[in-house]
Amino acid sequence: MKNRLFTSLLILALSATFANAQESPKISFAVIGGLNLQNLSGKAYNGDKLNNDLLVGYHIGVNAQIPIASEFYFQPGLLYSTKGAKAKSESSTSTTSINYLEVPLNVVYKKACGNGFMIVGFGPYAAYGIGGKVKTSGSSPTVESTIKFKNTISATDPLDVPYYKAFDAGANAFVGYEMANGLFCQLNAQLGLLKINSEYAEYPEDKTSVKNTGFGLSTGYRF
């Protein structure tokens, strides 16, 4: 009788442990992609506000979702992302497009809602420029120049080359919905906190301050 009772209790304990393990959140992974609506905001050389237009770009990549507390997760990722802006004058349009490898490090709150989950996330990001172009079109023939990444411009550097700093960092925020089958959609906002314009060593009066800003829409699948 005692053996049967002990066996029954052991089976119940193992069943409860297994059920809890099944219910505990696990590390998951996702593929993600979508559209960027980006801008380069800040000040021009003389301190005037930049009046650029949004540039449509895209992002694609992966992330992991690691449980850290009840309904809270740490979500690091790796994205390939295109950013930039359009600048228009009376005679021409200049399009700046910069390609980045980006590492977002977000904290995510995930709350059960209907048959899925409401998700809200925020955190910092770091990015590194790996390429880009500035294309100017108008009444004259179109000119396309390759961006060169450099922190400081000296007097010996060519003046007909667009220069930017490679490193960028800032803040992310997003809100979205994830379905029970792993498909999700989210609205993103991003604010660059570092100046990405290269600095002129010989012109300390330069007031240029250019930062990445933007928002977008992402879709993906978590597994």
N, C-alpha and C. Protein backbone atom coordinates (compact mmCIF):
# COMPACT_ATOMS: atom_id res chain seq x y z
N MET A 1 0.84 -1.21 0.00
CA MET A 1 0.00 0.00 0.00
C MET A 1 0.87 1.25 0.00
N LYS A 2 1.92 1.21 0.87
CA LYS A 2 2.82 2.36 0.94
C LYS A 2 3.55 2.56 -0.39
N ASN A 3 3.95 1.42 -1.02
CA ASN A 3 4.65 1.52 -2.30
C ASN A 3 3.76 2.12 -3.38
N ARG A 4 2.47 1.70 -3.37
CA ARG A 4 1.54 2.25 -4.36
C ARG A 4 1.32 3.74 -4.14
N LEU A 5 1.19 4.14 -2.87
CA LEU A 5 1.00 5.55 -2.54
C LEU A 5 2.22 6.36 -2.96
N PHE A 6 3.42 5.83 -2.67
CA PHE A 6 4.66 6.53 -3.04
C PHE A 6 4.77 6.66 -4.56
N THR A 7 4.42 5.59 -5.28
CA THR A 7 4.48 5.60 -6.75
C THR A 7 3.51 6.62 -7.32
N SER A 8 2.29 6.66 -6.74
CA SER A 8 1.29 7.62 -7.21
C SER A 8 1.74 9.05 -7.00
N LEU A 9 2.31 9.32 -5.80
CA LEU A 9 2.79 10.67 -5.51
C LEU A 9 3.94 11.05 -6.43
N LEU A 10 4.82 10.09 -6.72
CA LEU A 10 5.95 10.35 -7.61
C LEU A 10 5.47 10.67 -9.01
N ILE A 11 4.48 9.92 -9.49
CA ILE A 11 3.93 10.17 -10.82
C ILE A 11 3.29 11.56 -10.89
N LEU A 12 2.55 11.93 -9.84
CA LEU A 12 1.93 13.25 -9.79
C LEU A 12 2.98 14.36 -9.79
N ALA A 13 4.05 14.17 -9.02
CA ALA A 13 5.11 15.17 -8.94
C ALA A 13 5.81 15.34 -10.28
N LEU A 14 6.11 14.20 -10.92
CA LEU A 14 6.75 14.26 -12.23
C LEU A 14 5.84 14.90 -13.28
N SER A 15 4.56 14.61 -13.19
CA SER A 15 3.59 15.20 -14.13
C SER A 15 3.52 16.70 -13.97
N ALA A 16 3.49 17.16 -12.70
CA ALA A 16 3.44 18.60 -12.44
C ALA A 16 4.70 19.29 -12.92
N THR A 17 5.86 18.63 -12.67
CA THR A 17 7.13 19.21 -13.11
C THR A 17 7.17 19.32 -14.63
N PHE A 18 6.71 18.26 -15.30
CA PHE A 18 6.69 18.27 -16.76
C PHE A 18 5.75 19.33 -17.29
N ALA A 19 4.59 19.48 -16.66
CA ALA A 19 3.61 20.49 -17.09
C ALA A 19 4.19 21.88 -16.93
N ASN A 20 4.85 22.12 -15.78
CA ASN A 20 5.46 23.44 -15.57
C ASN A 20 6.55 23.72 -16.58
N ALA A 21 7.33 22.69 -16.91
CA ALA A 21 8.40 22.87 -17.90
C ALA A 21 7.81 23.20 -19.26
N GLN A 22 6.67 22.54 -19.57
CA GLN A 22 6.01 22.80 -20.85
C GLN A 22 5.49 24.23 -20.91
N GLU A 23 5.03 24.77 -19.76
CA GLU A 23 4.43 26.09 -19.75
C GLU A 23 5.47 27.20 -19.63
N SER A 24 6.67 26.89 -19.13
CA SER A 24 7.69 27.92 -18.93
C SER A 24 8.13 28.48 -20.28
N PRO A 25 8.30 29.80 -20.36
CA PRO A 25 8.77 30.40 -21.61
C PRO A 25 10.16 29.91 -21.96
N LYS A 26 10.41 29.72 -23.24
CA LYS A 26 11.71 29.28 -23.71
C LYS A 26 12.32 30.33 -24.63
N ILE A 27 13.60 30.19 -24.86
CA ILE A 27 14.26 31.06 -25.83
C ILE A 27 13.69 30.76 -27.22
N SER A 28 13.33 31.81 -27.94
CA SER A 28 12.82 31.65 -29.29
C SER A 28 13.60 32.55 -30.24
N PHE A 29 13.42 32.29 -31.53
CA PHE A 29 14.13 33.05 -32.56
C PHE A 29 13.13 33.51 -33.62
N ALA A 30 13.52 34.55 -34.34
CA ALA A 30 12.61 35.09 -35.36
C ALA A 30 13.40 35.62 -36.54
N VAL A 31 12.77 35.54 -37.70
CA VAL A 31 13.23 36.26 -38.89
C VAL A 31 12.30 37.45 -39.05
N ILE A 32 12.87 38.60 -39.42
CA ILE A 32 12.09 39.84 -39.44
C ILE A 32 12.52 40.71 -40.62
N GLY A 33 11.58 41.44 -41.17
CA GLY A 33 11.88 42.36 -42.27
C GLY A 33 10.76 43.37 -42.42
N GLY A 34 11.04 44.43 -43.16
CA GLY A 34 10.00 45.43 -43.37
C GLY A 34 10.52 46.70 -43.98
N LEU A 35 9.69 47.73 -43.91
CA LEU A 35 9.98 49.02 -44.52
C LEU A 35 10.50 50.02 -43.50
N ASN A 36 11.45 50.86 -43.92
CA ASN A 36 11.90 52.01 -43.14
C ASN A 36 11.42 53.28 -43.80
N LEU A 37 10.99 54.24 -43.01
CA LEU A 37 10.75 55.61 -43.46
C LEU A 37 11.72 56.48 -42.67
N GLN A 38 12.85 56.81 -43.28
CA GLN A 38 13.97 57.42 -42.56
C GLN A 38 14.20 58.87 -42.97
N ASN A 39 14.89 59.59 -42.09
CA ASN A 39 15.25 60.97 -42.37
C ASN A 39 16.59 61.27 -41.72
N LEU A 40 17.24 62.30 -42.22
CA LEU A 40 18.45 62.84 -41.60
C LEU A 40 18.08 64.20 -41.05
N SER A 41 17.98 64.30 -39.74
CA SER A 41 17.54 65.54 -39.10
C SER A 41 18.71 66.22 -38.41
N GLY A 42 18.53 67.51 -38.10
CA GLY A 42 19.57 68.24 -37.40
C GLY A 42 19.80 69.62 -37.97
N LYS A 43 21.07 70.03 -38.03
CA LYS A 43 21.43 71.38 -38.46
C LYS A 43 22.45 71.36 -39.60
N ALA A 44 22.37 72.39 -40.45
CA ALA A 44 23.33 72.56 -41.53
C ALA A 44 24.57 73.29 -41.01
N TYR A 45 25.53 73.54 -41.91
CA TYR A 45 26.80 74.17 -41.55
C TYR A 45 26.61 75.48 -40.78
N ASN A 46 25.62 76.29 -41.22
CA ASN A 46 25.40 77.60 -40.60
C ASN A 46 24.45 77.57 -39.41
N GLY A 47 24.01 76.39 -39.03
CA GLY A 47 23.11 76.25 -37.89
C GLY A 47 21.65 76.20 -38.25
N ASP A 48 21.31 76.40 -39.54
CA ASP A 48 19.91 76.31 -39.96
C ASP A 48 19.40 74.87 -39.86
N LYS A 49 18.11 74.72 -39.58
CA LYS A 49 17.51 73.40 -39.48
C LYS A 49 17.48 72.72 -40.84
N LEU A 50 17.82 71.43 -40.86
CA LEU A 50 17.74 70.66 -42.09
C LEU A 50 16.27 70.40 -42.44
N ASN A 51 15.92 70.59 -43.71
CA ASN A 51 14.56 70.34 -44.17
C ASN A 51 14.58 69.24 -45.23
N ASN A 52 14.84 68.03 -44.78
CA ASN A 52 14.89 66.89 -45.68
C ASN A 52 13.55 66.18 -45.74
N ASP A 53 13.39 65.36 -46.78
CA ASP A 53 12.20 64.53 -46.93
C ASP A 53 12.53 63.09 -46.56
N LEU A 54 11.50 62.33 -46.20
CA LEU A 54 11.67 60.94 -45.83
C LEU A 54 12.17 60.10 -47.01
N LEU A 55 13.00 59.13 -46.69
CA LEU A 55 13.48 58.16 -47.69
C LEU A 55 12.91 56.79 -47.34
N VAL A 56 12.35 56.12 -48.34
CA VAL A 56 11.84 54.76 -48.13
C VAL A 56 12.98 53.77 -48.27
N GLY A 57 13.21 52.99 -47.22
CA GLY A 57 14.23 51.95 -47.23
C GLY A 57 13.66 50.64 -46.72
N TYR A 58 14.53 49.77 -46.26
CA TYR A 58 14.06 48.48 -45.76
C TYR A 58 15.03 47.94 -44.71
N HIS A 59 14.59 46.93 -44.00
CA HIS A 59 15.45 46.22 -43.05
C HIS A 59 15.10 44.74 -43.09
N ILE A 60 16.11 43.92 -42.82
CA ILE A 60 15.90 42.47 -42.80
C ILE A 60 16.92 41.87 -41.84
N GLY A 61 16.50 40.85 -41.08
CA GLY A 61 17.44 40.26 -40.15
C GLY A 61 16.82 39.21 -39.26
N VAL A 62 17.43 39.00 -38.10
CA VAL A 62 17.01 37.96 -37.16
C VAL A 62 17.09 38.52 -35.74
N ASN A 63 16.38 37.89 -34.82
CA ASN A 63 16.54 38.21 -33.40
C ASN A 63 16.26 36.99 -32.53
N ALA A 64 16.68 37.09 -31.30
CA ALA A 64 16.40 36.06 -30.29
C ALA A 64 15.54 36.68 -29.20
N GLN A 65 14.74 35.86 -28.54
CA GLN A 65 13.89 36.34 -27.45
C GLN A 65 14.15 35.48 -26.22
N ILE A 66 14.74 36.10 -25.18
CA ILE A 66 15.21 35.36 -24.01
C ILE A 66 14.38 35.77 -22.78
N PRO A 67 13.70 34.83 -22.11
CA PRO A 67 12.91 35.18 -20.92
C PRO A 67 13.80 35.72 -19.80
N ILE A 68 13.39 36.83 -19.17
CA ILE A 68 14.13 37.38 -18.04
C ILE A 68 13.26 37.53 -16.79
N ALA A 69 11.94 37.59 -16.97
CA ALA A 69 10.99 37.67 -15.86
C ALA A 69 9.62 37.36 -16.43
N SER A 70 8.64 37.25 -15.57
CA SER A 70 7.29 36.97 -16.03
C SER A 70 6.82 38.04 -17.02
N GLU A 71 6.55 37.63 -18.26
CA GLU A 71 6.05 38.48 -19.34
C GLU A 71 7.10 39.47 -19.88
N PHE A 72 8.34 39.36 -19.43
CA PHE A 72 9.41 40.24 -19.91
C PHE A 72 10.52 39.42 -20.56
N TYR A 73 11.09 39.97 -21.65
CA TYR A 73 12.09 39.27 -22.42
C TYR A 73 13.20 40.23 -22.85
N PHE A 74 14.39 39.67 -23.01
CA PHE A 74 15.49 40.40 -23.63
C PHE A 74 15.57 39.96 -25.09
N GLN A 75 15.62 40.94 -26.01
CA GLN A 75 15.54 40.63 -27.43
C GLN A 75 16.70 41.27 -28.20
N PRO A 76 17.84 40.60 -28.28
CA PRO A 76 18.93 41.09 -29.12
C PRO A 76 18.70 40.67 -30.57
N GLY A 77 19.25 41.43 -31.50
CA GLY A 77 19.06 41.09 -32.91
C GLY A 77 20.19 41.58 -33.78
N LEU A 78 20.13 41.24 -35.04
CA LEU A 78 21.08 41.70 -36.05
C LEU A 78 20.30 42.01 -37.32
N LEU A 79 20.40 43.26 -37.80
CA LEU A 79 19.65 43.71 -38.96
C LEU A 79 20.57 44.32 -40.01
N TYR A 80 20.19 44.14 -41.26
CA TYR A 80 20.74 44.95 -42.35
C TYR A 80 19.69 46.01 -42.64
N SER A 81 20.07 47.28 -42.53
CA SER A 81 19.08 48.36 -42.60
C SER A 81 19.58 49.50 -43.48
N THR A 82 18.68 50.03 -44.32
CA THR A 82 19.02 51.18 -45.18
C THR A 82 18.36 52.43 -44.62
N LYS A 83 19.16 53.49 -44.48
CA LYS A 83 18.68 54.75 -43.93
C LYS A 83 19.14 55.90 -44.82
N GLY A 84 18.67 57.11 -44.50
CA GLY A 84 19.07 58.28 -45.28
C GLY A 84 17.96 59.30 -45.38
N ALA A 85 17.97 60.07 -46.48
CA ALA A 85 16.97 61.13 -46.66
C ALA A 85 17.05 61.67 -48.08
N LYS A 86 16.05 62.48 -48.43
CA LYS A 86 16.05 63.21 -49.70
C LYS A 86 16.09 64.70 -49.40
N ALA A 87 16.89 65.43 -50.17
CA ALA A 87 16.97 66.88 -50.04
C ALA A 87 16.66 67.50 -51.39
N LYS A 88 15.68 68.40 -51.42
CA LYS A 88 15.24 69.01 -52.68
C LYS A 88 15.58 70.50 -52.71
N SER A 89 16.00 70.95 -53.88
CA SER A 89 16.18 72.38 -54.13
C SER A 89 15.39 72.73 -55.38
N GLU A 90 15.49 73.97 -55.84
CA GLU A 90 14.73 74.38 -57.02
C GLU A 90 15.19 73.66 -58.28
N SER A 91 16.44 73.25 -58.33
CA SER A 91 16.98 72.68 -59.56
C SER A 91 17.38 71.21 -59.46
N SER A 92 17.41 70.63 -58.25
CA SER A 92 17.90 69.26 -58.14
C SER A 92 17.33 68.55 -56.91
N THR A 93 17.48 67.24 -56.92
CA THR A 93 17.11 66.40 -55.78
C THR A 93 18.30 65.52 -55.43
N SER A 94 18.68 65.52 -54.16
CA SER A 94 19.80 64.72 -53.69
C SER A 94 19.29 63.64 -52.75
N THR A 95 19.61 62.39 -53.06
CA THR A 95 19.18 61.25 -52.26
C THR A 95 20.38 60.60 -51.59
N THR A 96 20.37 60.60 -50.26
CA THR A 96 21.44 59.97 -49.49
C THR A 96 20.93 58.64 -48.95
N SER A 97 21.63 57.56 -49.27
CA SER A 97 21.25 56.23 -48.80
C SER A 97 22.47 55.58 -48.13
N ILE A 98 22.33 55.22 -46.84
CA ILE A 98 23.42 54.64 -46.07
C ILE A 98 22.99 53.26 -45.59
N ASN A 99 23.84 52.28 -45.81
CA ASN A 99 23.56 50.90 -45.42
C ASN A 99 24.27 50.56 -44.11
N TYR A 100 23.52 50.01 -43.17
CA TYR A 100 24.06 49.71 -41.85
C TYR A 100 23.88 48.25 -41.48
N LEU A 101 24.83 47.73 -40.70
CA LEU A 101 24.60 46.54 -39.89
C LEU A 101 24.24 47.03 -38.50
N GLU A 102 23.07 46.62 -38.03
CA GLU A 102 22.51 47.20 -36.82
C GLU A 102 22.24 46.12 -35.77
N VAL A 103 22.56 46.44 -34.52
CA VAL A 103 22.33 45.52 -33.40
C VAL A 103 21.37 46.17 -32.40
N PRO A 104 20.07 45.85 -32.45
CA PRO A 104 19.13 46.33 -31.43
C PRO A 104 19.20 45.45 -30.19
N LEU A 105 19.08 46.07 -29.02
CA LEU A 105 19.12 45.35 -27.73
C LEU A 105 17.90 45.78 -26.92
N ASN A 106 16.77 45.16 -27.21
CA ASN A 106 15.50 45.60 -26.66
C ASN A 106 15.03 44.75 -25.48
N VAL A 107 14.27 45.39 -24.60
CA VAL A 107 13.50 44.70 -23.58
C VAL A 107 12.05 44.69 -24.04
N VAL A 108 11.42 43.53 -24.00
CA VAL A 108 10.07 43.36 -24.55
C VAL A 108 9.10 42.91 -23.46
N TYR A 109 7.96 43.58 -23.42
CA TYR A 109 6.84 43.15 -22.57
C TYR A 109 5.83 42.45 -23.47
N LYS A 110 5.46 41.23 -23.10
CA LYS A 110 4.61 40.39 -23.94
C LYS A 110 3.42 39.90 -23.12
N LYS A 111 2.22 40.42 -23.44
CA LYS A 111 1.02 40.13 -22.66
C LYS A 111 0.01 39.37 -23.51
N ALA A 112 -0.51 38.28 -22.96
CA ALA A 112 -1.53 37.50 -23.67
C ALA A 112 -2.73 38.39 -23.99
N CYS A 113 -3.17 38.31 -25.25
CA CYS A 113 -4.30 39.14 -25.70
C CYS A 113 -5.01 38.39 -26.81
N GLY A 114 -6.25 37.97 -26.55
CA GLY A 114 -6.98 37.18 -27.54
C GLY A 114 -6.29 35.85 -27.77
N ASN A 115 -6.07 35.51 -29.05
CA ASN A 115 -5.39 34.26 -29.38
C ASN A 115 -3.88 34.45 -29.56
N GLY A 116 -3.37 35.62 -29.18
CA GLY A 116 -1.95 35.88 -29.34
C GLY A 116 -1.41 36.72 -28.21
N PHE A 117 -0.50 37.62 -28.55
CA PHE A 117 0.17 38.44 -27.55
C PHE A 117 0.33 39.88 -28.05
N MET A 118 0.05 40.83 -27.16
CA MET A 118 0.40 42.22 -27.40
C MET A 118 1.86 42.39 -27.00
N ILE A 119 2.65 43.03 -27.85
CA ILE A 119 4.08 43.19 -27.56
C ILE A 119 4.45 44.68 -27.58
N VAL A 120 5.25 45.07 -26.60
CA VAL A 120 5.77 46.43 -26.50
C VAL A 120 7.26 46.32 -26.17
N GLY A 121 8.09 47.03 -26.92
CA GLY A 121 9.52 46.91 -26.70
C GLY A 121 10.23 48.25 -26.77
N PHE A 122 11.38 48.33 -26.13
CA PHE A 122 12.20 49.53 -26.19
C PHE A 122 13.63 49.16 -25.80
N GLY A 123 14.58 49.99 -26.22
CA GLY A 123 15.96 49.74 -25.87
C GLY A 123 16.92 50.46 -26.80
N PRO A 124 18.21 50.30 -26.58
CA PRO A 124 19.21 50.97 -27.41
C PRO A 124 19.53 50.16 -28.67
N TYR A 125 20.20 50.82 -29.60
CA TYR A 125 20.75 50.12 -30.75
C TYR A 125 22.13 50.68 -31.05
N ALA A 126 22.97 49.87 -31.68
CA ALA A 126 24.26 50.31 -32.21
C ALA A 126 24.32 49.87 -33.66
N ALA A 127 24.90 50.70 -34.51
CA ALA A 127 24.95 50.39 -35.93
C ALA A 127 26.29 50.82 -36.52
N TYR A 128 26.67 50.14 -37.60
CA TYR A 128 27.93 50.46 -38.26
C TYR A 128 27.69 50.52 -39.77
N GLY A 129 28.08 51.65 -40.37
CA GLY A 129 27.87 51.83 -41.80
C GLY A 129 28.82 50.98 -42.63
N ILE A 130 28.28 50.29 -43.61
CA ILE A 130 29.10 49.42 -44.47
C ILE A 130 29.06 49.84 -45.93
N GLY A 131 28.34 50.90 -46.25
CA GLY A 131 28.26 51.37 -47.63
C GLY A 131 27.18 52.41 -47.79
N GLY A 132 27.15 53.02 -48.95
CA GLY A 132 26.12 54.01 -49.22
C GLY A 132 26.46 54.87 -50.42
N LYS A 133 25.46 55.60 -50.90
CA LYS A 133 25.64 56.47 -52.06
C LYS A 133 24.84 57.75 -51.88
N VAL A 134 25.31 58.80 -52.54
CA VAL A 134 24.54 60.04 -52.67
C VAL A 134 24.30 60.25 -54.16
N LYS A 135 23.03 60.33 -54.53
CA LYS A 135 22.65 60.47 -55.94
C LYS A 135 21.96 61.82 -56.13
N THR A 136 22.50 62.64 -57.02
CA THR A 136 21.96 63.96 -57.29
C THR A 136 21.45 64.02 -58.73
N SER A 137 20.19 64.37 -58.89
CA SER A 137 19.58 64.44 -60.22
C SER A 137 18.86 65.78 -60.37
N GLY A 138 18.74 66.24 -61.61
CA GLY A 138 18.07 67.51 -61.88
C GLY A 138 18.22 67.87 -63.33
N SER A 139 18.45 69.17 -63.60
CA SER A 139 18.58 69.64 -64.97
C SER A 139 19.88 69.14 -65.62
N SER A 140 20.93 68.94 -64.81
CA SER A 140 22.20 68.43 -65.33
C SER A 140 22.21 66.91 -65.25
N PRO A 141 23.20 66.24 -65.87
CA PRO A 141 23.27 64.77 -65.79
C PRO A 141 23.34 64.30 -64.34
N THR A 142 22.72 63.14 -64.07
CA THR A 142 22.71 62.57 -62.72
C THR A 142 24.13 62.22 -62.26
N VAL A 143 24.45 62.59 -61.04
CA VAL A 143 25.75 62.29 -60.46
C VAL A 143 25.55 61.36 -59.27
N GLU A 144 26.32 60.27 -59.24
CA GLU A 144 26.23 59.32 -58.14
C GLU A 144 27.60 59.17 -57.50
N SER A 145 27.69 59.41 -56.19
CA SER A 145 28.95 59.36 -55.46
C SER A 145 28.87 58.33 -54.35
N THR A 146 29.94 57.59 -54.15
CA THR A 146 30.01 56.60 -53.08
C THR A 146 30.41 57.26 -51.77
N ILE A 147 29.69 56.95 -50.71
CA ILE A 147 29.98 57.51 -49.39
C ILE A 147 31.28 56.92 -48.85
N LYS A 148 32.08 57.79 -48.24
CA LYS A 148 33.30 57.35 -47.56
C LYS A 148 33.12 57.61 -46.07
N PHE A 149 33.42 56.60 -45.26
CA PHE A 149 33.25 56.71 -43.82
C PHE A 149 34.55 57.21 -43.19
N LYS A 150 34.42 58.35 -42.52
CA LYS A 150 35.60 58.97 -41.89
C LYS A 150 35.12 59.90 -40.79
N ASN A 151 35.76 59.86 -39.64
CA ASN A 151 35.35 60.70 -38.52
C ASN A 151 35.70 62.17 -38.72
N THR A 152 36.91 62.43 -39.23
CA THR A 152 37.37 63.80 -39.40
C THR A 152 37.90 64.00 -40.82
N ILE A 153 37.49 65.11 -41.43
CA ILE A 153 37.92 65.45 -42.79
C ILE A 153 39.04 66.46 -42.71
N SER A 154 40.12 66.20 -43.41
CA SER A 154 41.26 67.12 -43.43
C SER A 154 41.30 67.89 -44.74
N ALA A 155 42.21 68.85 -44.84
CA ALA A 155 42.32 69.69 -46.03
C ALA A 155 42.77 68.91 -47.25
N THR A 156 43.40 67.77 -47.04
CA THR A 156 43.90 66.97 -48.16
C THR A 156 42.86 65.99 -48.72
N ASP A 157 41.71 65.86 -48.05
CA ASP A 157 40.67 64.95 -48.53
C ASP A 157 39.90 65.58 -49.70
N PRO A 158 39.53 64.78 -50.71
CA PRO A 158 38.76 65.30 -51.84
C PRO A 158 37.45 65.92 -51.39
N LEU A 159 37.07 67.03 -52.02
CA LEU A 159 35.85 67.74 -51.63
C LEU A 159 34.60 67.21 -52.32
N ASP A 160 34.78 66.40 -53.37
CA ASP A 160 33.63 65.90 -54.12
C ASP A 160 33.16 64.54 -53.63
N VAL A 161 33.60 64.14 -52.43
CA VAL A 161 33.21 62.85 -51.85
C VAL A 161 32.29 63.11 -50.66
N PRO A 162 31.14 62.41 -50.56
CA PRO A 162 30.29 62.55 -49.37
C PRO A 162 30.87 61.75 -48.20
N TYR A 163 31.03 62.40 -47.06
CA TYR A 163 31.65 61.78 -45.88
C TYR A 163 30.63 61.63 -44.76
N TYR A 164 30.70 60.49 -44.08
CA TYR A 164 29.90 60.26 -42.88
C TYR A 164 30.70 59.42 -41.90
N LYS A 165 30.34 59.51 -40.63
CA LYS A 165 30.91 58.62 -39.63
C LYS A 165 30.25 57.25 -39.75
N ALA A 166 31.03 56.20 -39.54
CA ALA A 166 30.49 54.85 -39.69
C ALA A 166 29.62 54.44 -38.50
N PHE A 167 29.99 54.86 -37.29
CA PHE A 167 29.29 54.38 -36.09
C PHE A 167 28.09 55.24 -35.76
N ASP A 168 27.00 54.59 -35.42
CA ASP A 168 25.78 55.28 -35.00
C ASP A 168 25.18 54.52 -33.83
N ALA A 169 24.45 55.22 -32.99
CA ALA A 169 23.76 54.59 -31.85
C ALA A 169 22.55 55.44 -31.49
N GLY A 170 21.56 54.80 -30.88
CA GLY A 170 20.36 55.54 -30.51
C GLY A 170 19.39 54.67 -29.75
N ALA A 171 18.10 54.99 -29.87
CA ALA A 171 17.06 54.31 -29.11
C ALA A 171 15.97 53.78 -30.04
N ASN A 172 15.43 52.61 -29.70
CA ASN A 172 14.32 51.98 -30.40
C ASN A 172 13.07 51.95 -29.53
N ALA A 173 11.91 51.91 -30.17
CA ALA A 173 10.66 51.60 -29.48
C ALA A 173 9.73 50.96 -30.50
N PHE A 174 8.91 50.02 -30.06
CA PHE A 174 7.96 49.41 -30.99
C PHE A 174 6.76 48.85 -30.24
N VAL A 175 5.68 48.68 -30.97
CA VAL A 175 4.47 48.07 -30.43
C VAL A 175 3.87 47.20 -31.53
N GLY A 176 3.33 46.05 -31.14
CA GLY A 176 2.80 45.17 -32.18
C GLY A 176 1.97 44.05 -31.60
N TYR A 177 1.71 43.05 -32.46
CA TYR A 177 0.89 41.90 -32.06
C TYR A 177 1.51 40.65 -32.65
N GLU A 178 1.59 39.61 -31.82
CA GLU A 178 2.11 38.31 -32.26
C GLU A 178 1.02 37.26 -32.14
N MET A 179 0.74 36.56 -33.24
CA MET A 179 -0.29 35.53 -33.23
C MET A 179 0.25 34.24 -32.63
N ALA A 180 -0.66 33.35 -32.28
CA ALA A 180 -0.28 32.10 -31.63
C ALA A 180 0.61 31.24 -32.51
N ASN A 181 0.49 31.38 -33.84
CA ASN A 181 1.30 30.57 -34.75
C ASN A 181 2.69 31.14 -34.99
N GLY A 182 3.02 32.28 -34.34
CA GLY A 182 4.36 32.86 -34.45
C GLY A 182 4.47 34.02 -35.40
N LEU A 183 3.47 34.27 -36.23
CA LEU A 183 3.51 35.43 -37.12
C LEU A 183 3.28 36.71 -36.30
N PHE A 184 4.02 37.77 -36.63
CA PHE A 184 3.85 39.02 -35.88
C PHE A 184 4.03 40.22 -36.80
N CYS A 185 3.51 41.34 -36.33
CA CYS A 185 3.61 42.61 -37.04
C CYS A 185 3.81 43.71 -36.00
N GLN A 186 4.69 44.69 -36.31
CA GLN A 186 4.94 45.74 -35.33
C GLN A 186 5.28 47.06 -36.00
N LEU A 187 4.92 48.15 -35.31
CA LEU A 187 5.29 49.51 -35.73
C LEU A 187 6.52 49.93 -34.95
N ASN A 188 7.51 50.48 -35.65
CA ASN A 188 8.78 50.82 -35.04
C ASN A 188 9.03 52.33 -35.08
N ALA A 189 9.75 52.83 -34.10
CA ALA A 189 10.25 54.20 -34.10
C ALA A 189 11.71 54.16 -33.66
N GLN A 190 12.50 55.07 -34.22
CA GLN A 190 13.93 55.07 -33.92
C GLN A 190 14.46 56.49 -33.87
N LEU A 191 15.30 56.76 -32.89
CA LEU A 191 15.89 58.08 -32.71
C LEU A 191 17.39 57.95 -32.55
N GLY A 192 18.13 58.46 -33.53
CA GLY A 192 19.58 58.46 -33.44
C GLY A 192 20.06 59.49 -32.43
N LEU A 193 21.03 59.13 -31.61
CA LEU A 193 21.51 60.03 -30.57
C LEU A 193 22.92 60.55 -30.84
N LEU A 194 23.58 60.03 -31.88
CA LEU A 194 24.92 60.47 -32.22
C LEU A 194 24.94 61.22 -33.55
N LYS A 195 25.82 62.20 -33.68
CA LYS A 195 26.02 62.87 -34.96
C LYS A 195 26.76 61.91 -35.90
N ILE A 196 26.23 61.77 -37.11
CA ILE A 196 26.88 60.89 -38.08
C ILE A 196 27.64 61.67 -39.15
N ASN A 197 27.57 63.01 -39.13
CA ASN A 197 28.33 63.79 -40.09
C ASN A 197 29.80 63.85 -39.69
N SER A 198 30.67 63.70 -40.69
CA SER A 198 32.11 63.84 -40.44
C SER A 198 32.41 65.29 -40.08
N GLU A 199 33.43 65.50 -39.28
CA GLU A 199 33.78 66.84 -38.82
C GLU A 199 34.98 67.38 -39.58
N TYR A 200 34.95 68.69 -39.87
CA TYR A 200 36.05 69.35 -40.56
C TYR A 200 37.06 69.87 -39.54
N ALA A 201 38.30 69.36 -39.63
CA ALA A 201 39.32 69.74 -38.66
C ALA A 201 39.66 71.22 -38.73
N GLU A 202 39.60 71.79 -39.95
CA GLU A 202 40.02 73.19 -40.14
C GLU A 202 38.90 74.20 -39.91
N TYR A 203 37.67 73.71 -39.63
CA TYR A 203 36.55 74.63 -39.49
C TYR A 203 35.82 74.38 -38.17
N PRO A 204 36.37 74.86 -37.06
CA PRO A 204 35.74 74.63 -35.75
C PRO A 204 34.39 75.34 -35.61
N GLU A 205 34.11 76.31 -36.48
CA GLU A 205 32.83 77.02 -36.40
C GLU A 205 31.70 76.25 -37.08
N ASP A 206 32.01 75.13 -37.67
CA ASP A 206 31.01 74.31 -38.34
C ASP A 206 29.95 73.84 -37.33
N LYS A 207 28.67 74.13 -37.61
CA LYS A 207 27.57 73.77 -36.72
C LYS A 207 26.76 72.58 -37.23
N THR A 208 27.29 71.89 -38.22
CA THR A 208 26.58 70.74 -38.78
C THR A 208 26.32 69.67 -37.72
N SER A 209 25.09 69.17 -37.69
CA SER A 209 24.71 68.09 -36.77
C SER A 209 23.63 67.24 -37.45
N VAL A 210 24.03 66.06 -37.92
CA VAL A 210 23.12 65.20 -38.67
C VAL A 210 22.91 63.90 -37.89
N LYS A 211 21.64 63.52 -37.69
CA LYS A 211 21.31 62.30 -36.95
C LYS A 211 20.25 61.51 -37.71
N ASN A 212 20.31 60.20 -37.57
CA ASN A 212 19.30 59.32 -38.15
C ASN A 212 18.03 59.34 -37.30
N THR A 213 16.89 59.50 -37.95
CA THR A 213 15.60 59.37 -37.27
C THR A 213 14.65 58.65 -38.23
N GLY A 214 13.61 58.05 -37.67
CA GLY A 214 12.66 57.41 -38.57
C GLY A 214 11.71 56.48 -37.86
N PHE A 215 10.87 55.84 -38.66
CA PHE A 215 9.94 54.83 -38.16
C PHE A 215 9.70 53.83 -39.28
N GLY A 216 8.97 52.78 -38.98
CA GLY A 216 8.76 51.76 -40.00
C GLY A 216 7.76 50.71 -39.57
N LEU A 217 7.64 49.71 -40.41
CA LEU A 217 6.71 48.60 -40.20
C LEU A 217 7.45 47.30 -40.44
N SER A 218 7.35 46.39 -39.48
CA SER A 218 8.03 45.10 -39.58
C SER A 218 7.02 43.96 -39.52
N THR A 219 7.33 42.88 -40.24
CA THR A 219 6.60 41.63 -40.10
C THR A 219 7.63 40.53 -39.94
N GLY A 220 7.22 39.42 -39.33
CA GLY A 220 8.17 38.34 -39.14
C GLY A 220 7.50 37.07 -38.64
N TYR A 221 8.35 36.09 -38.38
CA TYR A 221 7.87 34.80 -37.88
C TYR A 221 8.77 34.33 -36.76
N ARG A 222 8.17 34.02 -35.62
CA ARG A 222 8.92 33.56 -34.45
C ARG A 222 8.73 32.04 -34.29
N PHE A 223 9.84 31.36 -34.03
CA PHE A 223 9.78 29.91 -33.90
C PHE A 223 10.63 29.42 -32.73
